[in-house]
PDB file of all heavy atoms in Angstrom:
ATOM      1  N   LEU A   1      97.741 107.488 105.559  1.00  0.00           N
ATOM      2  CA  LEU A   1      97.744 107.722 107.004  1.00  0.00           C
ATOM      3  C   LEU A   1      96.438 108.238 107.568  1.00  0.00           C
ATOM      4  O   LEU A   1      96.053 107.961 108.736  1.00  0.00           O
ATOM      5  CB  LEU A   1      98.854 108.719 107.348  1.00  0.00           C
ATOM      6  CG  LEU A   1      99.279 108.750 108.848  1.00  0.00           C
ATOM      7  CD1 LEU A   1      99.815 107.401 109.340  1.00  0.00           C
ATOM      8  CD2 LEU A   1     100.279 109.787 109.089  1.00  0.00           C
ATOM      9  N   ILE A   2      95.646 108.865 106.715  1.00  0.00           N
ATOM     10  CA  ILE A   2      94.360 109.451 107.217  1.00  0.00           C
ATOM     11  C   ILE A   2      93.243 108.598 106.795  1.00  0.00           C
ATOM     12  O   ILE A   2      92.006 108.982 107.037  1.00  0.00           O
ATOM     13  CB  ILE A   2      94.193 110.856 106.599  1.00  0.00           C
ATOM     14  CG1 ILE A   2      94.107 110.846 105.103  1.00  0.00           C
ATOM     15  CG2 ILE A   2      95.193 111.798 107.155  1.00  0.00           C
ATOM     16  CD1 ILE A   2      93.688 112.237 104.512  1.00  0.00           C
ATOM     17  N   GLY A   3      93.484 107.385 106.255  1.00  0.00           N
ATOM     18  CA  GLY A   3      92.354 106.500 105.786  1.00  0.00           C
ATOM     19  C   GLY A   3      91.622 105.922 106.888  1.00  0.00           C
ATOM     20  O   GLY A   3      90.402 105.558 106.703  1.00  0.00           O
ATOM     21  N   THR A   4      92.137 105.808 108.069  1.00  0.00           N
ATOM     22  CA  THR A   4      91.383 105.224 109.221  1.00  0.00           C
ATOM     23  C   THR A   4      91.992 105.818 110.551  1.00  0.00           C
ATOM     24  O   THR A   4      93.120 106.155 110.581  1.00  0.00           O
ATOM     25  CB  THR A   4      91.495 103.664 109.208  1.00  0.00           C
ATOM     26  OG1 THR A   4      90.927 103.139 110.387  1.00  0.00           O
ATOM     27  CG2 THR A   4      92.959 103.242 109.174  1.00  0.00           C
ATOM     28  N   SER A   5      91.165 105.852 111.549  1.00  0.00           N
ATOM     29  CA  SER A   5      91.605 106.373 112.807  1.00  0.00           C
ATOM     30  C   SER A   5      92.688 105.496 113.413  1.00  0.00           C
ATOM     31  O   SER A   5      93.574 106.044 114.172  1.00  0.00           O
ATOM     32  CB  SER A   5      90.444 106.436 113.815  1.00  0.00           C
ATOM     33  OG  SER A   5      89.877 105.175 114.055  1.00  0.00           O
ATOM     34  N   THR A   6      92.732 104.227 113.056  1.00  0.00           N
ATOM     35  CA  THR A   6      93.765 103.366 113.604  1.00  0.00           C
ATOM     36  C   THR A   6      95.120 103.800 113.119  1.00  0.00           C
ATOM     37  O   THR A   6      96.111 103.799 113.870  1.00  0.00           O
ATOM     38  CB  THR A   6      93.501 101.878 113.192  1.00  0.00           C
ATOM     39  OG1 THR A   6      92.177 101.550 113.509  1.00  0.00           O
ATOM     40  CG2 THR A   6      94.541 100.953 113.805  1.00  0.00           C
ATOM     41  N   ASN A   7      95.230 104.058 111.841  1.00  0.00           N
ATOM     42  CA  ASN A   7      96.552 104.587 111.292  1.00  0.00           C
ATOM     43  C   ASN A   7      97.050 105.783 112.049  1.00  0.00           C
ATOM     44  O   ASN A   7      98.171 105.930 112.397  1.00  0.00           O
ATOM     45  CB  ASN A   7      96.401 104.870 109.842  1.00  0.00           C
ATOM     46  CG  ASN A   7      96.141 103.624 108.993  1.00  0.00           C
ATOM     47  OD1 ASN A   7      96.138 102.557 109.490  1.00  0.00           O
ATOM     48  ND2 ASN A   7      95.882 103.808 107.711  1.00  0.00           N
ATOM     49  N   ILE A   8      96.147 106.749 112.213  1.00  0.00           N
ATOM     50  CA  ILE A   8      96.493 108.042 112.859  1.00  0.00           C
ATOM     51  C   ILE A   8      96.892 107.739 114.354  1.00  0.00           C
ATOM     52  O   ILE A   8      97.877 108.338 114.788  1.00  0.00           O
ATOM     53  CB  ILE A   8      95.258 108.974 112.897  1.00  0.00           C
ATOM     54  CG1 ILE A   8      94.906 109.377 111.418  1.00  0.00           C
ATOM     55  CG2 ILE A   8      95.511 110.238 113.649  1.00  0.00           C
ATOM     56  CD1 ILE A   8      93.594 110.145 111.286  1.00  0.00           C
ATOM     57  N   LEU A   9      96.199 106.840 114.984  1.00  0.00           N
ATOM     58  CA  LEU A   9      96.501 106.551 116.420  1.00  0.00           C
ATOM     59  C   LEU A   9      97.852 105.824 116.508  1.00  0.00           C
ATOM     60  O   LEU A   9      98.639 106.158 117.408  1.00  0.00           O
ATOM     61  CB  LEU A   9      95.364 105.713 116.960  1.00  0.00           C
ATOM     62  CG  LEU A   9      95.421 105.517 118.484  1.00  0.00           C
ATOM     63  CD1 LEU A   9      95.488 106.842 119.230  1.00  0.00           C
ATOM     64  CD2 LEU A   9      94.173 104.734 118.917  1.00  0.00           C
ATOM     65  N   VAL A  10      98.105 104.879 115.694  1.00  0.00           N
ATOM     66  CA  VAL A  10      99.377 104.145 115.748  1.00  0.00           C
ATOM     67  C   VAL A  10     100.500 105.102 115.492  1.00  0.00           C
ATOM     68  O   VAL A  10     101.581 105.085 116.172  1.00  0.00           O
ATOM     69  CB  VAL A  10      99.384 103.008 114.717  1.00  0.00           C
ATOM     70  CG1 VAL A  10     100.766 102.450 114.599  1.00  0.00           C
ATOM     71  CG2 VAL A  10      98.452 101.869 115.115  1.00  0.00           C
ATOM     72  N   ASP A  11     100.401 105.986 114.476  1.00  0.00           N
ATOM     73  CA  ASP A  11     101.442 107.021 114.221  1.00  0.00           C
ATOM     74  C   ASP A  11     101.668 107.901 115.448  1.00  0.00           C
ATOM     75  O   ASP A  11     102.802 108.189 115.770  1.00  0.00           O
ATOM     76  CB  ASP A  11     101.037 107.818 113.027  1.00  0.00           C
ATOM     77  CG  ASP A  11     102.018 108.949 112.670  1.00  0.00           C
ATOM     78  OD1 ASP A  11     103.232 108.646 112.580  1.00  0.00           O
ATOM     79  OD2 ASP A  11     101.621 110.100 112.592  1.00  0.00           O
ATOM     80  N   SER A  12     100.626 108.321 116.080  1.00  0.00           N
ATOM     81  CA  SER A  12     100.681 109.139 117.270  1.00  0.00           C
ATOM     82  C   SER A  12     101.448 108.447 118.412  1.00  0.00           C
ATOM     83  O   SER A  12     102.331 109.051 119.062  1.00  0.00           O
ATOM     84  CB  SER A  12      99.314 109.621 117.698  1.00  0.00           C
ATOM     85  OG  SER A  12      99.409 110.372 118.877  1.00  0.00           O
ATOM     86  N   VAL A  13     101.055 107.189 118.694  1.00  0.00           N
ATOM     87  CA  VAL A  13     101.712 106.427 119.761  1.00  0.00           C
ATOM     88  C   VAL A  13     103.190 106.188 119.420  1.00  0.00           C
ATOM     89  O   VAL A  13     104.017 106.290 120.314  1.00  0.00           O
ATOM     90  CB  VAL A  13     100.938 105.101 120.020  1.00  0.00           C
ATOM     91  CG1 VAL A  13     101.724 104.253 121.042  1.00  0.00           C
ATOM     92  CG2 VAL A  13      99.557 105.361 120.488  1.00  0.00           C
ATOM     93  N   ALA A  14     103.449 105.917 118.209  1.00  0.00           N
ATOM     94  CA  ALA A  14     104.836 105.713 117.781  1.00  0.00           C
ATOM     95  C   ALA A  14     105.668 106.955 118.000  1.00  0.00           C
ATOM     96  O   ALA A  14     106.791 106.887 118.412  1.00  0.00           O
ATOM     97  CB  ALA A  14     104.884 105.269 116.323  1.00  0.00           C
ATOM     98  N   GLN A  15     105.115 108.099 117.656  1.00  0.00           N
ATOM     99  CA  GLN A  15     105.866 109.403 117.849  1.00  0.00           C
ATOM    100  C   GLN A  15     106.110 109.566 119.300  1.00  0.00           C
ATOM    101  O   GLN A  15     107.262 110.064 119.697  1.00  0.00           O
ATOM    102  CB  GLN A  15     105.042 110.524 117.339  1.00  0.00           C
ATOM    103  CG  GLN A  15     105.001 110.533 115.779  1.00  0.00           C
ATOM    104  CD  GLN A  15     104.274 111.822 115.249  1.00  0.00           C
ATOM    105  OE1 GLN A  15     104.653 112.943 115.606  1.00  0.00           O
ATOM    106  NE2 GLN A  15     103.323 111.604 114.382  1.00  0.00           N
ATOM    107  N   GLU A  16     105.151 109.244 120.185  1.00  0.00           N
ATOM    108  CA  GLU A  16     105.342 109.403 121.619  1.00  0.00           C
ATOM    109  C   GLU A  16     106.451 108.485 122.197  1.00  0.00           C
ATOM    110  O   GLU A  16     107.009 108.741 123.174  1.00  0.00           O
ATOM    111  CB  GLU A  16     104.024 109.199 122.381  1.00  0.00           C
ATOM    112  CG  GLU A  16     103.024 110.282 122.171  1.00  0.00           C
ATOM    113  CD  GLU A  16     101.803 110.077 123.012  1.00  0.00           C
ATOM    114  OE1 GLU A  16     101.585 109.002 123.600  1.00  0.00           O
ATOM    115  OE2 GLU A  16     100.990 111.029 123.111  1.00  0.00           O
ATOM    116  N   ASN A  17     106.688 107.425 121.433  1.00  0.00           N
ATOM    117  CA  ASN A  17     107.757 106.456 121.779  1.00  0.00           C
ATOM    118  C   ASN A  17     109.077 106.742 121.057  1.00  0.00           C
ATOM    119  O   ASN A  17     109.920 105.921 120.988  1.00  0.00           O
ATOM    120  CB  ASN A  17     107.372 105.024 121.545  1.00  0.00           C
ATOM    121  CG  ASN A  17     106.378 104.542 122.569  1.00  0.00           C
ATOM    122  OD1 ASN A  17     106.817 103.920 123.633  1.00  0.00           O
ATOM    123  ND2 ASN A  17     105.108 104.772 122.451  1.00  0.00           N
ATOM    124  N   GLY A  18     109.199 107.978 120.508  1.00  0.00           N
ATOM    125  CA  GLY A  18     110.445 108.448 119.976  1.00  0.00           C
ATOM    126  C   GLY A  18     110.685 108.198 118.481  1.00  0.00           C
ATOM    127  O   GLY A  18     111.814 108.405 117.959  1.00  0.00           O
ATOM    128  N   MET A  19     109.668 107.691 117.753  1.00  0.00           N
ATOM    129  CA  MET A  19     109.885 107.387 116.371  1.00  0.00           C
ATOM    130  C   MET A  19     109.520 108.608 115.525  1.00  0.00           C
ATOM    131  O   MET A  19     108.722 109.491 115.911  1.00  0.00           O
ATOM    132  CB  MET A  19     108.969 106.240 115.872  1.00  0.00           C
ATOM    133  CG  MET A  19     109.472 104.891 116.389  1.00  0.00           C
ATOM    134  SD  MET A  19     108.443 103.525 115.724  1.00  0.00           S
ATOM    135  CE  MET A  19     108.419 103.892 113.961  1.00  0.00           C
ATOM    136  N   ALA A  20     110.069 108.720 114.324  1.00  0.00           N
ATOM    137  CA  ALA A  20     109.785 109.802 113.386  1.00  0.00           C
ATOM    138  C   ALA A  20     108.430 109.575 112.903  1.00  0.00           C
ATOM    139  O   ALA A  20     107.952 108.461 112.715  1.00  0.00           O
ATOM    140  CB  ALA A  20     110.793 109.807 112.273  1.00  0.00           C
ATOM    141  N   PRO A  21     107.633 110.666 112.613  1.00  0.00           N
ATOM    142  CA  PRO A  21     106.247 110.486 112.087  1.00  0.00           C
ATOM    143  C   PRO A  21     106.221 109.876 110.752  1.00  0.00           C
ATOM    144  O   PRO A  21     107.159 109.914 109.961  1.00  0.00           O
ATOM    145  CB  PRO A  21     105.766 111.933 112.021  1.00  0.00           C
ATOM    146  CG  PRO A  21     106.921 112.766 111.957  1.00  0.00           C
ATOM    147  CD  PRO A  21     108.003 112.059 112.768  1.00  0.00           C
ATOM    148  N   PHE A  22     105.089 109.165 110.484  1.00  0.00           N
ATOM    149  CA  PHE A  22     104.903 108.570 109.121  1.00  0.00           C
ATOM    150  C   PHE A  22     104.444 109.598 108.154  1.00  0.00           C
ATOM    151  O   PHE A  22     103.659 110.549 108.493  1.00  0.00           O
ATOM    152  CB  PHE A  22     103.797 107.485 109.157  1.00  0.00           C
ATOM    153  CG  PHE A  22     104.354 106.159 109.691  1.00  0.00           C
ATOM    154  CD1 PHE A  22     104.453 105.956 111.072  1.00  0.00           C
ATOM    155  CD2 PHE A  22     104.699 105.171 108.846  1.00  0.00           C
ATOM    156  CE1 PHE A  22     104.976 104.758 111.560  1.00  0.00           C
ATOM    157  CE2 PHE A  22     105.187 103.986 109.272  1.00  0.00           C
ATOM    158  CZ  PHE A  22     105.264 103.705 110.689  1.00  0.00           C
ATOM    159  N   HIS A  23     104.955 109.532 106.868  1.00  0.00           N
ATOM    160  CA  HIS A  23     104.485 110.408 105.809  1.00  0.00           C
ATOM    161  C   HIS A  23     103.050 109.934 105.388  1.00  0.00           C
ATOM    162  O   HIS A  23     102.745 108.715 105.569  1.00  0.00           O
ATOM    163  CB  HIS A  23     105.469 110.240 104.668  1.00  0.00           C
ATOM    164  CG  HIS A  23     105.092 111.188 103.493  1.00  0.00           C
ATOM    165  ND1 HIS A  23     104.236 110.778 102.481  1.00  0.00           N
ATOM    166  CD2 HIS A  23     105.542 112.382 103.176  1.00  0.00           C
ATOM    167  CE1 HIS A  23     104.153 111.801 101.586  1.00  0.00           C
ATOM    168  NE2 HIS A  23     104.959 112.797 102.025  1.00  0.00           N
ATOM    169  N   ILE A  24     102.255 110.803 104.938  1.00  0.00           N
ATOM    170  CA  ILE A  24     100.836 110.485 104.620  1.00  0.00           C
ATOM    171  C   ILE A  24     100.764 109.318 103.663  1.00  0.00           C
ATOM    172  O   ILE A  24      99.801 108.486 103.722  1.00  0.00           O
ATOM    173  CB  ILE A  24     100.101 111.699 104.096  1.00  0.00           C
ATOM    174  CG1 ILE A  24      98.566 111.350 103.961  1.00  0.00           C
ATOM    175  CG2 ILE A  24     100.679 112.221 102.799  1.00  0.00           C
ATOM    176  CD1 ILE A  24      97.733 112.559 103.611  1.00  0.00           C
ATOM    177  N   PHE A  25     101.643 109.147 102.703  1.00  0.00           N
ATOM    178  CA  PHE A  25     101.597 108.106 101.781  1.00  0.00           C
ATOM    179  C   PHE A  25     102.710 107.059 101.907  1.00  0.00           C
ATOM    180  O   PHE A  25     102.943 106.219 101.020  1.00  0.00           O
ATOM    181  CB  PHE A  25     101.667 108.663 100.313  1.00  0.00           C
ATOM    182  CG  PHE A  25     100.447 109.363  99.915  1.00  0.00           C
ATOM    183  CD1 PHE A  25     100.529 110.701  99.433  1.00  0.00           C
ATOM    184  CD2 PHE A  25      99.202 108.810  99.967  1.00  0.00           C
ATOM    185  CE1 PHE A  25      99.442 111.460  99.075  1.00  0.00           C
ATOM    186  CE2 PHE A  25      98.047 109.550  99.590  1.00  0.00           C
ATOM    187  CZ  PHE A  25      98.121 110.843  99.095  1.00  0.00           C
ATOM    188  N   GLU A  26     103.342 107.055 103.074  1.00  0.00           N
ATOM    189  CA  GLU A  26     104.403 106.104 103.310  1.00  0.00           C
ATOM    190  C   GLU A  26     103.925 104.682 103.247  1.00  0.00           C
ATOM    191  O   GLU A  26     104.621 103.788 102.827  1.00  0.00           O
ATOM    192  CB  GLU A  26     105.125 106.407 104.683  1.00  0.00           C
ATOM    193  CG  GLU A  26     106.281 105.491 104.950  1.00  0.00           C
ATOM    194  CD  GLU A  26     107.028 105.876 106.264  1.00  0.00           C
ATOM    195  OE1 GLU A  26     106.803 106.954 106.714  1.00  0.00           O
ATOM    196  OE2 GLU A  26     107.757 105.018 106.749  1.00  0.00           O
ATOM    197  N   ILE A  27     102.739 104.469 103.732  1.00  0.00           N
ATOM    198  CA  ILE A  27     102.167 103.070 103.720  1.00  0.00           C
ATOM    199  C   ILE A  27     101.361 102.758 102.484  1.00  0.00           C
ATOM    200  O   ILE A  27     100.868 101.588 102.322  1.00  0.00           O
ATOM    201  CB  ILE A  27     101.280 102.848 105.001  1.00  0.00           C
ATOM    202  CG1 ILE A  27     100.081 103.759 104.979  1.00  0.00           C
ATOM    203  CG2 ILE A  27     102.069 102.966 106.281  1.00  0.00           C
ATOM    204  CD1 ILE A  27      99.069 103.561 106.065  1.00  0.00           C
ATOM    205  N   ALA A  28     101.334 103.671 101.543  1.00  0.00           N
ATOM    206  CA  ALA A  28     100.450 103.544 100.352  1.00  0.00           C
ATOM    207  C   ALA A  28     100.914 102.319  99.465  1.00  0.00           C
ATOM    208  O   ALA A  28      99.988 101.575  99.017  1.00  0.00           O
ATOM    209  CB  ALA A  28     100.426 104.741  99.529  1.00  0.00           C
ATOM    210  N   PRO A  29     102.161 102.015  99.163  1.00  0.00           N
ATOM    211  CA  PRO A  29     102.516 100.924  98.348  1.00  0.00           C
ATOM    212  C   PRO A  29     101.993  99.615  98.946  1.00  0.00           C
ATOM    213  O   PRO A  29     101.410  98.773  98.158  1.00  0.00           O
ATOM    214  CB  PRO A  29     104.048 100.941  98.332  1.00  0.00           C
ATOM    215  CG  PRO A  29     104.345 102.368  98.556  1.00  0.00           C
ATOM    216  CD  PRO A  29     103.398 102.864  99.574  1.00  0.00           C
ATOM    217  N   LEU A  30     102.231  99.390 100.225  1.00  0.00           N
ATOM    218  CA  LEU A  30     101.769  98.167 100.832  1.00  0.00           C
ATOM    219  C   LEU A  30     100.210  98.120 100.885  1.00  0.00           C
ATOM    220  O   LEU A  30      99.572  97.068 100.606  1.00  0.00           O
ATOM    221  CB  LEU A  30     102.305  98.030 102.259  1.00  0.00           C
ATOM    222  CG  LEU A  30     101.771  96.805 103.045  1.00  0.00           C
ATOM    223  CD1 LEU A  30     102.131  95.484 102.313  1.00  0.00           C
ATOM    224  CD2 LEU A  30     102.515  96.772 104.453  1.00  0.00           C
ATOM    225  N   GLY A  31      99.589  99.278 101.204  1.00  0.00           N
ATOM    226  CA  GLY A  31      98.182  99.323 101.294  1.00  0.00           C
ATOM    227  C   GLY A  31      97.512  99.055  99.945  1.00  0.00           C
ATOM    228  O   GLY A  31      96.525  98.349  99.827  1.00  0.00           O
ATOM    229  N   ALA A  32      98.118  99.623  98.844  1.00  0.00           N
ATOM    230  CA  ALA A  32      97.523  99.412  97.523  1.00  0.00           C
ATOM    231  C   ALA A  32      97.647  97.886  97.130  1.00  0.00           C
ATOM    232  O   ALA A  32      96.721  97.344  96.543  1.00  0.00           O
ATOM    233  CB  ALA A  32      98.231 100.267  96.474  1.00  0.00           C
ATOM    234  N   ALA A  33      98.767  97.292  97.452  1.00  0.00           N
ATOM    235  CA  ALA A  33      98.924  95.861  97.139  1.00  0.00           C
ATOM    236  C   ALA A  33      97.965  95.029  97.891  1.00  0.00           C
ATOM    237  O   ALA A  33      97.321  94.130  97.353  1.00  0.00           O
ATOM    238  CB  ALA A  33     100.359  95.444  97.489  1.00  0.00           C
ATOM    239  N   LEU A  34      97.708  95.318  99.210  1.00  0.00           N
ATOM    240  CA  LEU A  34      96.696  94.634  99.975  1.00  0.00           C
ATOM    241  C   LEU A  34      95.297  94.755  99.475  1.00  0.00           C
ATOM    242  O   LEU A  34      94.553  93.833  99.372  1.00  0.00           O
ATOM    243  CB  LEU A  34      96.799  95.031 101.480  1.00  0.00           C
ATOM    244  CG  LEU A  34      97.928  94.422 102.335  1.00  0.00           C
ATOM    245  CD1 LEU A  34      97.894  95.017 103.723  1.00  0.00           C
ATOM    246  CD2 LEU A  34      97.728  92.901 102.396  1.00  0.00           C
ATOM    247  N   ALA A  35      95.000  96.071  99.112  1.00  0.00           N
ATOM    248  CA  ALA A  35      93.658  96.366  98.631  1.00  0.00           C
ATOM    249  C   ALA A  35      93.374  95.618  97.323  1.00  0.00           C
ATOM    250  O   ALA A  35      92.283  95.018  97.079  1.00  0.00           O
ATOM    251  CB  ALA A  35      93.476  97.858  98.463  1.00  0.00           C
ATOM    252  N   ALA A  36      94.372  95.674  96.419  1.00  0.00           N
ATOM    253  CA  ALA A  36      94.248  94.993  95.075  1.00  0.00           C
ATOM    254  C   ALA A  36      94.032  93.520  95.278  1.00  0.00           C
ATOM    255  O   ALA A  36      93.138  92.863  94.693  1.00  0.00           O
ATOM    256  CB  ALA A  36      95.379  95.310  94.188  1.00  0.00           C
ATOM    257  N   ALA A  37      94.894  92.930  96.093  1.00  0.00           N
ATOM    258  CA  ALA A  37      94.786  91.504  96.339  1.00  0.00           C
ATOM    259  C   ALA A  37      93.500  91.089  96.960  1.00  0.00           C
ATOM    260  O   ALA A  37      92.863  90.066  96.648  1.00  0.00           O
ATOM    261  CB  ALA A  37      95.954  90.998  97.195  1.00  0.00           C
ATOM    262  N   GLY A  38      93.038  91.952  97.986  1.00  0.00           N
ATOM    263  CA  GLY A  38      91.827  91.674  98.688  1.00  0.00           C
ATOM    264  C   GLY A  38      90.582  91.700  97.797  1.00  0.00           C
ATOM    265  O   GLY A  38      89.722  90.817  97.803  1.00  0.00           O
ATOM    266  N   ILE A  39      90.509  92.707  96.900  1.00  0.00           N
ATOM    267  CA  ILE A  39      89.414  92.858  95.975  1.00  0.00           C
ATOM    268  C   ILE A  39      89.349  91.714  95.027  1.00  0.00           C
ATOM    269  O   ILE A  39      88.310  91.127  94.703  1.00  0.00           O
ATOM    270  CB  ILE A  39      89.410  94.234  95.273  1.00  0.00           C
ATOM    271  CG1 ILE A  39      89.119  95.336  96.308  1.00  0.00           C
ATOM    272  CG2 ILE A  39      88.417  94.304  94.159  1.00  0.00           C
ATOM    273  CD1 ILE A  39      89.297  96.710  95.827  1.00  0.00           C
ATOM    274  N   VAL A  40      90.574  91.358  94.467  1.00  0.00           N
ATOM    275  CA  VAL A  40      90.604  90.225  93.531  1.00  0.00           C
ATOM    276  C   VAL A  40      90.158  88.922  94.206  1.00  0.00           C
ATOM    277  O   VAL A  40      89.426  88.115  93.661  1.00  0.00           O
ATOM    278  CB  VAL A  40      92.017  90.046  92.985  1.00  0.00           C
ATOM    279  CG1 VAL A  40      92.189  88.717  92.226  1.00  0.00           C
ATOM    280  CG2 VAL A  40      92.390  91.221  92.004  1.00  0.00           C
TER     281      VAL A  40
END
């Protein structure tokens, strides 16, 4: 969640629209898969 300002901002806007906040590593599984695939 702290990897880029975009993640922080999206989480903040989502909370203002009534959603529960994201956990810091909630997006890590998808992010790791994307990063691995991208580097390969």
